[in-house]
Amino acid sequence: MDQIARSTKDIGNVLRNARKAQGLTQDELASRAGVWQRTISHIETNASGAKLDTLFDLLAALDLELHITPRSKLTPSDLEDIF
């Protein structure tokens, strides 16, 4: 499940997709990550302002990791095909 995220909205979408793929509710993920359900909701809809520690807690709870790579030279239409 490799996905490109270039904005906070993209991060929220990646987390939501991963949560749903694992069959978890927001409450279940919140319990795993040690955060409030409303925090999950906020991050999934607009991760702006989310603490980096919280994002890493969510990634760990979803058994995901973050890879930093040089930005690709994709066009906007290429990105639409990915998502």
Protein backbone atom coordinates (compact mmCIF):
# COMPACT_ATOMS: atom_id res chain seq x y z
CA MET A 1 0.00 0.00 0.00
CA ASP A 2 2.35 2.73 -1.21
CA GLN A 3 0.66 6.11 -1.33
CA ILE A 4 2.03 9.57 -1.96
CA ALA A 5 1.09 12.25 0.55
CA ARG A 6 2.02 15.85 -0.15
CA SER A 7 -0.41 17.65 2.12
CA THR A 8 -2.12 17.25 5.48
CA LYS A 9 -5.31 16.29 3.64
CA ASP A 10 -3.40 13.51 1.86
CA ILE A 11 -2.07 12.23 5.21
CA GLY A 12 -5.61 12.12 6.56
CA ASN A 13 -6.81 10.18 3.52
CA VAL A 14 -3.96 7.67 3.83
CA LEU A 15 -4.76 7.09 7.50
CA ARG A 16 -8.50 6.75 6.83
CA ASN A 17 -7.91 4.28 3.97
CA ALA A 18 -5.55 2.19 6.11
CA ARG A 19 -7.98 2.19 9.05
CA LYS A 20 -10.88 1.09 6.85
CA ALA A 21 -8.75 -1.55 5.08
CA GLN A 22 -8.05 -3.06 8.49
CA GLY A 23 -11.74 -2.97 9.39
CA LEU A 24 -11.24 -0.60 12.31
CA THR A 25 -13.60 2.07 13.56
CA GLN A 26 -12.30 5.45 14.63
CA ASP A 27 -12.96 4.41 18.25
CA GLU A 28 -10.92 1.22 17.86
CA LEU A 29 -8.00 3.06 16.28
CA ALA A 30 -8.17 5.75 18.95
CA SER A 31 -7.98 3.09 21.65
CA ARG A 32 -4.96 1.45 19.99
CA ALA A 33 -3.15 4.76 19.58
CA GLY A 34 -4.09 6.19 22.97
CA VAL A 35 -5.91 9.24 21.60
CA TRP A 36 -9.50 10.49 21.52
CA GLN A 37 -11.88 9.45 18.72
CA ARG A 38 -12.39 13.13 17.87
CA THR A 39 -8.64 13.38 17.25
CA ILE A 40 -8.91 10.60 14.65
CA SER A 41 -11.87 12.36 13.04
CA HIS A 42 -10.01 15.68 12.91
CA ILE A 43 -6.88 14.14 11.39
CA GLU A 44 -8.82 12.12 8.81
CA THR A 45 -10.71 15.19 7.63
CA ASN A 46 -7.91 17.74 7.95
CA ALA A 47 -4.63 16.79 9.63
CA SER A 48 -3.63 20.45 9.83
CA GLY A 49 -2.30 21.20 13.29
CA ALA A 50 -1.93 17.57 14.30
CA LYS A 51 1.06 16.83 16.49
CA LEU A 52 3.77 14.84 14.79
CA ASP A 53 3.87 12.51 17.80
CA THR A 54 0.16 11.78 17.33
CA LEU A 55 0.66 10.98 13.65
CA PHE A 56 3.44 8.54 14.54
CA ASP A 57 1.21 6.96 17.21
CA LEU A 58 -1.46 6.43 14.56
CA LEU A 59 1.02 5.01 12.07
CA ALA A 60 2.27 2.56 14.70
CA ALA A 61 -1.29 1.56 15.65
CA LEU A 62 -1.98 0.83 11.97
CA ASP A 63 1.34 -1.03 11.58
CA LEU A 64 2.56 1.54 9.04
CA GLU A 65 5.82 3.43 8.68
CA LEU A 66 6.81 6.70 7.06
CA HIS A 67 9.34 6.77 4.22
CA ILE A 68 10.84 10.08 3.11
CA THR A 69 11.94 10.17 -0.52
CA PRO A 70 12.80 12.86 -3.04
CA ARG A 71 9.71 14.37 -4.60
CA SER A 72 8.77 12.74 -7.88
CA LYS A 73 8.08 14.74 -10.99
CA LEU A 74 4.51 13.54 -11.40
CA THR A 75 1.94 15.77 -13.02
CA PRO A 76 -1.38 16.51 -11.25
CA SER A 77 -3.16 14.05 -13.57
CA ASP A 78 -0.65 11.34 -12.61
CA LEU A 79 -1.50 11.93 -8.95
CA GLU A 80 -5.22 11.59 -9.66
CA ASP A 81 -4.54 8.12 -11.10
CA ILE A 82 -2.79 7.09 -7.86
CA PHE A 83 -5.64 8.16 -5.59
